[in-house]
Amino acid sequence: MTKEQLALKIAGEIFKGRGKLETFYALQCIRSYFSELSVDDLEDIAGQYGIDT
């Protein structure tokens, strides 16, 4: 899994089940934040949400 794929998966899990436009903008912001993190940091966050890496 690439860093971008992992960031998308985490962001998707955070905003799961929410379909409002505000959520879309929040999703874009968090994706931008995640892109700045290292893969190790993303893997740690993914583990907190039960995402296998």
Protein backbone atom coordinates (compact mmCIF):
# COMPACT_ATOMS: atom_id res chain seq x y z
CA MET A 1 0.00 0.00 0.00
CA THR A 2 1.40 3.40 -0.95
CA LYS A 3 1.54 6.35 1.41
CA GLU A 4 -1.26 8.10 -0.54
CA GLN A 5 -3.46 5.00 -0.46
CA LEU A 6 -2.96 4.64 3.28
CA ALA A 7 -3.76 8.32 3.87
CA LEU A 8 -6.96 7.97 1.83
CA LYS A 9 -7.98 4.85 3.70
CA ILE A 10 -7.48 6.51 7.09
CA ALA A 11 -9.32 9.66 6.04
CA GLY A 12 -12.16 7.55 4.67
CA GLU A 13 -12.44 5.67 7.94
CA ILE A 14 -12.50 8.89 9.96
CA PHE A 15 -15.35 10.33 7.88
CA LYS A 16 -17.20 7.06 7.24
CA GLY A 17 -20.95 7.44 6.92
CA ARG A 18 -20.94 11.21 6.62
CA GLY A 19 -22.01 12.67 3.31
CA LYS A 20 -22.21 16.42 3.84
CA LEU A 21 -20.27 18.91 1.76
CA GLU A 22 -18.47 20.13 4.88
CA THR A 23 -17.18 16.62 5.36
CA PHE A 24 -15.73 16.69 1.86
CA TYR A 25 -13.73 19.80 2.69
CA ALA A 26 -12.62 18.33 6.00
CA LEU A 27 -11.57 15.18 4.17
CA GLN A 28 -9.45 17.25 1.78
CA CYS A 29 -7.79 19.03 4.71
CA ILE A 30 -6.98 15.85 6.57
CA ARG A 31 -5.63 14.23 3.40
CA SER A 32 -3.32 17.21 3.01
CA TYR A 33 -2.19 16.82 6.62
CA PHE A 34 -1.61 13.10 6.21
CA SER A 35 0.52 13.67 3.11
CA GLU A 36 3.00 15.54 5.31
CA LEU A 37 3.40 12.61 7.74
CA SER A 38 5.87 9.77 7.43
CA VAL A 39 4.75 6.27 6.52
CA ASP A 40 5.54 5.14 10.07
CA ASP A 41 3.27 7.85 11.49
CA LEU A 42 0.49 6.87 9.08
CA GLU A 43 0.84 3.21 10.03
CA ASP A 44 0.50 4.14 13.70
CA ILE A 45 -2.66 6.15 12.98
CA ALA A 46 -4.03 3.35 10.80
CA GLY A 47 -3.54 0.92 13.68
CA GLN A 48 -5.67 3.15 15.91
CA TYR A 49 -8.52 2.83 13.41
CA GLY A 50 -8.08 -0.91 12.92
CA ILE A 51 -6.72 -0.59 9.39
CA ASP A 52 -4.28 -3.29 8.34
CA THR A 53 -1.23 -2.00 6.52
